[in-house]
């Protein structure tokens, strides 16, 4: 599944560089998003299978750090060429293809698969409403920041380099804060930490609304977002 989703993601990235019709871009983005969701599901289910509950917060904190370090580095690739150049799309396709190597060549066995039990969404919500709310909220925040923030920052006058720096702060916050939060969540009540993060994130959001170009605030918003996500997954 991982190999299939990575191959599909690599292909749809190249389609962006070949065609410039809006409809085809929308279609490619949908398929690309589906592919990346599949990649994350494989990774996270594999980690969940291997990790005892006493270490789950730390393991997912490290996983989020690695993932977002890649996202952080990717922000600055825009400085290598103009966005209109097809070369950037080719480079991203190559990087996705390289992600296949560790998993397809690894000598570790995959987790044993069992026939999965059905889990309707309603039952999932009743099982852990806090975790569901945390994951949905972080998805909204992350999608908004990654999808709209660069456009908004361009509209208020930031240069491409300034936008990359701003988004870099956001992503490095996404990467670094969950590591410490994961350690705390293995020691203390995860529900209390999630609640505290929600209050902190609300305050940071208001400050960003007041000072939209303050890059350091994006760091704390990113950390709050991924911290809430990792703790919600661990709590679930």
Protein backbone atom coordinates (compact mmCIF):
# COMPACT_ATOMS: atom_id res chain seq x y z
CA UNK A 1 0.00 0.00 0.00
CA UNK A 2 2.83 2.39 0.86
CA UNK A 3 4.55 1.74 -2.47
CA UNK A 4 1.31 2.16 -4.40
CA UNK A 5 0.39 5.44 -2.68
CA UNK A 6 3.91 6.85 -3.10
CA UNK A 7 3.88 5.99 -6.79
CA UNK A 8 0.50 7.69 -7.22
CA UNK A 9 1.67 10.77 -5.30
CA UNK A 10 4.81 11.02 -7.43
CA UNK A 11 2.75 10.79 -10.62
CA UNK A 12 0.21 13.44 -9.64
CA UNK A 13 3.00 15.89 -8.73
CA UNK A 14 4.36 15.58 -12.27
CA UNK A 15 0.89 16.25 -13.70
CA UNK A 16 1.00 19.69 -12.07
CA UNK A 17 4.05 20.54 -14.12
CA UNK A 18 2.66 19.19 -17.40
CA UNK A 19 -0.76 20.86 -17.37
CA UNK A 20 -1.82 24.35 -16.29
CA UNK A 21 -5.62 23.93 -16.48
CA UNK A 22 -7.35 24.63 -13.17
CA UNK A 23 -9.69 21.61 -13.41
CA UNK A 24 -6.80 19.20 -13.95
CA UNK A 25 -4.88 20.77 -11.03
CA UNK A 26 -7.90 20.34 -8.74
CA UNK A 27 -8.22 16.70 -9.79
CA UNK A 28 -4.48 16.11 -9.31
CA UNK A 29 -4.58 17.76 -5.88
CA UNK A 30 -7.46 15.54 -4.76
CA UNK A 31 -5.68 12.37 -5.86
CA UNK A 32 -2.41 13.62 -4.36
CA UNK A 33 -4.10 14.33 -1.03
CA UNK A 34 -5.64 10.85 -1.04
CA UNK A 35 -2.20 9.37 -1.70
CA UNK A 36 -0.52 11.24 1.15
CA UNK A 37 -3.32 10.30 3.53
CA UNK A 38 -2.63 6.66 2.65
CA UNK A 39 1.10 7.12 3.30
CA UNK A 40 0.46 8.67 6.72
CA UNK A 41 -2.03 5.93 7.65
CA UNK A 42 0.52 3.21 6.83
CA UNK A 43 3.25 4.92 8.88
CA UNK A 44 1.07 5.73 11.88
CA UNK A 45 -0.64 2.34 12.05
CA UNK A 46 2.77 0.64 11.85
CA UNK A 47 4.08 2.81 14.70
CA UNK A 48 0.95 2.17 16.78
CA UNK A 49 1.39 -1.56 16.32
CA UNK A 50 5.00 -1.49 17.53
CA UNK A 51 4.79 1.05 20.39
CA UNK A 52 3.71 0.37 24.01
CA UNK A 53 1.31 2.93 25.49
CA UNK A 54 3.94 4.17 27.98
CA UNK A 55 6.08 5.43 25.07
CA UNK A 56 3.39 6.37 22.56
CA UNK A 57 3.60 10.13 23.14
CA UNK A 58 7.37 10.22 22.67
CA UNK A 59 7.33 7.98 19.60
CA UNK A 60 4.66 10.04 17.86
CA UNK A 61 6.45 13.22 18.88
CA UNK A 62 9.60 11.94 17.15
CA UNK A 63 7.55 10.87 14.11
CA UNK A 64 5.99 14.32 13.80
CA UNK A 65 9.44 15.92 14.20
CA UNK A 66 10.85 13.91 11.29
CA UNK A 67 7.79 14.56 9.10
CA UNK A 68 7.77 18.29 9.73
CA UNK A 69 11.53 18.62 9.35
CA UNK A 70 10.94 17.51 5.78
CA UNK A 71 8.12 20.04 5.42
CA UNK A 72 10.38 22.75 6.88
CA UNK A 73 13.14 21.99 4.39
CA UNK A 74 10.66 21.89 1.53
CA UNK A 75 9.56 25.48 2.10
CA UNK A 76 12.94 26.74 0.95
CA UNK A 77 13.02 24.79 -2.32
CA UNK A 78 11.04 27.68 -3.81
CA UNK A 79 14.29 29.65 -3.74
CA UNK A 80 15.90 27.20 -6.18
CA UNK A 81 13.74 28.23 -9.11
CA UNK A 82 10.68 30.25 -10.08
CA UNK A 83 7.32 28.63 -9.24
CA UNK A 84 6.49 28.56 -12.97
CA UNK A 85 9.46 26.28 -13.70
CA UNK A 86 8.59 22.60 -14.14
CA UNK A 87 11.92 21.64 -12.54
CA UNK A 88 10.54 22.06 -9.00
CA UNK A 89 7.73 19.59 -9.71
CA UNK A 90 10.25 17.08 -11.09
CA UNK A 91 12.42 17.49 -7.99
CA UNK A 92 9.47 16.81 -5.65
CA UNK A 93 8.50 13.74 -7.68
CA UNK A 94 12.07 12.43 -7.31
CA UNK A 95 12.04 12.98 -3.54
CA UNK A 96 8.72 11.12 -3.17
CA UNK A 97 10.09 8.24 -5.24
CA UNK A 98 13.17 8.07 -2.99
CA UNK A 99 10.86 7.69 0.03
CA UNK A 100 10.02 4.23 -1.32
CA UNK A 101 13.55 2.90 -0.81
CA UNK A 102 13.71 2.52 3.00
CA UNK A 103 10.37 0.74 3.33
CA UNK A 104 10.68 -1.51 0.27
CA UNK A 105 14.28 -2.54 1.03
CA UNK A 106 14.03 -2.82 4.84
CA UNK A 107 14.70 -6.22 6.39
CA UNK A 108 12.14 -5.76 9.18
CA UNK A 109 8.88 -7.72 8.85
CA UNK A 110 5.63 -5.80 8.49
CA UNK A 111 3.17 -5.99 11.42
CA UNK A 112 0.85 -8.98 11.36
CA UNK A 113 -2.46 -8.03 9.71
CA UNK A 114 -5.77 -9.19 11.08
CA UNK A 115 -9.29 -8.85 9.76
CA UNK A 116 -10.18 -5.33 10.97
CA UNK A 117 -13.32 -4.78 12.99
CA UNK A 118 -15.83 -2.32 11.60
CA UNK A 119 -15.62 1.09 13.26
CA UNK A 120 -18.45 3.43 12.24
CA UNK A 121 -17.68 7.13 12.64
CA UNK A 122 -20.46 7.50 15.23
CA UNK A 123 -18.91 4.77 17.38
CA UNK A 124 -15.48 6.38 17.04
CA UNK A 125 -16.86 9.74 18.20
CA UNK A 126 -18.60 8.15 21.19
CA UNK A 127 -15.44 6.20 22.06
CA UNK A 128 -13.24 9.30 22.35
CA UNK A 129 -14.88 12.65 21.45
CA UNK A 130 -11.89 14.64 22.74
CA UNK A 131 -9.45 12.88 20.42
CA UNK A 132 -11.79 13.25 17.43
CA UNK A 133 -12.25 16.98 18.10
CA UNK A 134 -8.48 17.41 18.45
CA UNK A 135 -7.69 15.69 15.16
CA UNK A 136 -10.43 17.53 13.23
CA UNK A 137 -9.39 20.92 14.65
CA UNK A 138 -5.72 20.39 13.81
CA UNK A 139 -6.69 19.29 10.30
CA UNK A 140 -8.59 22.54 9.78
CA UNK A 141 -5.69 24.63 11.13
CA UNK A 142 -3.06 22.78 9.12
CA UNK A 143 -5.05 22.85 5.89
CA UNK A 144 -5.73 26.56 6.28
CA UNK A 145 -2.11 27.46 7.01
CA UNK A 146 -0.52 25.33 4.30
CA UNK A 147 -3.19 26.11 1.69
CA UNK A 148 -3.94 29.79 2.28
CA UNK A 149 -1.16 31.37 4.35
CA UNK A 150 1.32 31.74 1.44
CA UNK A 151 -1.35 33.45 -0.69
CA UNK A 152 -2.37 35.76 2.17
CA UNK A 153 1.24 36.64 2.98
CA UNK A 154 1.84 37.48 -0.66
CA UNK A 155 -1.21 39.75 -0.65
CA UNK A 156 0.10 41.73 2.34
CA UNK A 157 3.42 42.33 0.60
CA UNK A 158 5.87 39.61 1.70
CA UNK A 159 8.47 38.48 -0.84
CA UNK A 160 8.80 34.77 -1.79
CA UNK A 161 11.81 34.57 0.54
CA UNK A 162 9.79 36.18 3.36
CA UNK A 163 6.92 33.76 2.79
CA UNK A 164 9.35 30.81 2.92
CA UNK A 165 10.77 32.11 6.21
CA UNK A 166 7.29 32.57 7.70
CA UNK A 167 6.15 29.09 6.69
CA UNK A 168 9.50 27.74 7.85
CA UNK A 169 8.83 29.09 11.34
CA UNK A 170 5.40 27.45 11.24
CA UNK A 171 6.74 24.07 10.21
CA UNK A 172 9.73 24.06 12.59
CA UNK A 173 7.24 24.73 15.39
CA UNK A 174 5.23 21.78 14.09
CA UNK A 175 8.37 19.65 14.28
CA UNK A 176 9.93 20.66 17.59
CA UNK A 177 7.17 21.22 20.15
CA UNK A 178 5.54 17.74 19.91
CA UNK A 179 8.81 16.12 21.01
CA UNK A 180 8.65 17.77 24.45
CA UNK A 181 4.84 17.52 24.63
CA UNK A 182 5.00 13.81 23.85
CA UNK A 183 7.34 13.25 26.78
CA UNK A 184 5.03 15.16 29.13
CA UNK A 185 1.99 13.26 27.86
CA UNK A 186 3.60 9.94 28.82
CA UNK A 187 4.01 11.25 32.38
CA UNK A 188 0.80 13.25 32.96
CA UNK A 189 -2.88 13.25 32.03
CA UNK A 190 -3.10 13.71 28.25
CA UNK A 191 -6.57 15.28 28.50
CA UNK A 192 -5.30 18.16 30.62
CA UNK A 193 -2.38 18.83 28.27
CA UNK A 194 -4.73 18.84 25.23
CA UNK A 195 -7.02 21.31 27.01
CA UNK A 196 -4.11 23.59 27.89
CA UNK A 197 -2.87 23.47 24.29
CA UNK A 198 -6.32 24.46 22.99
CA UNK A 199 -6.37 27.54 25.23
CA UNK A 200 -2.80 28.44 24.27
CA UNK A 201 -3.54 28.00 20.57
CA UNK A 202 -6.57 30.26 20.82
CA UNK A 203 -4.43 33.03 22.33
CA UNK A 204 -1.75 32.61 19.66
CA UNK A 205 -4.39 32.76 16.91
CA UNK A 206 -5.66 36.08 18.22
CA UNK A 207 -2.13 37.50 18.26
CA UNK A 208 -1.58 36.35 14.67
CA UNK A 209 -4.80 38.11 13.70
CA UNK A 210 -3.43 41.29 15.32
CA UNK A 211 0.16 40.95 14.03
CA UNK A 212 -0.15 38.91 10.80
CA UNK A 213 3.49 39.23 9.67
CA UNK A 214 5.09 38.16 12.99
CA UNK A 215 6.91 34.96 11.98
CA UNK A 216 7.66 33.78 15.53
CA UNK A 217 3.93 33.50 16.28
CA UNK A 218 3.63 30.98 13.44
CA UNK A 219 6.16 28.82 15.31
CA UNK A 220 3.85 28.52 18.32
CA UNK A 221 0.75 27.97 16.20
CA UNK A 222 2.47 25.11 14.36
CA UNK A 223 3.67 23.54 17.60
CA UNK A 224 0.23 23.79 19.15
CA UNK A 225 -1.35 22.22 16.08
CA UNK A 226 0.89 19.16 15.76
CA UNK A 227 1.17 18.81 19.54
CA UNK A 228 -2.60 18.54 19.78
CA UNK A 229 -2.64 16.07 16.90
CA UNK A 230 -0.03 13.74 18.35
CA UNK A 231 -1.57 13.80 21.84
CA UNK A 232 -5.04 13.19 20.39
CA UNK A 233 -3.78 10.17 18.43
CA UNK A 234 -1.94 8.84 21.48
CA UNK A 235 -5.02 9.38 23.67
CA UNK A 236 -7.26 7.62 21.15
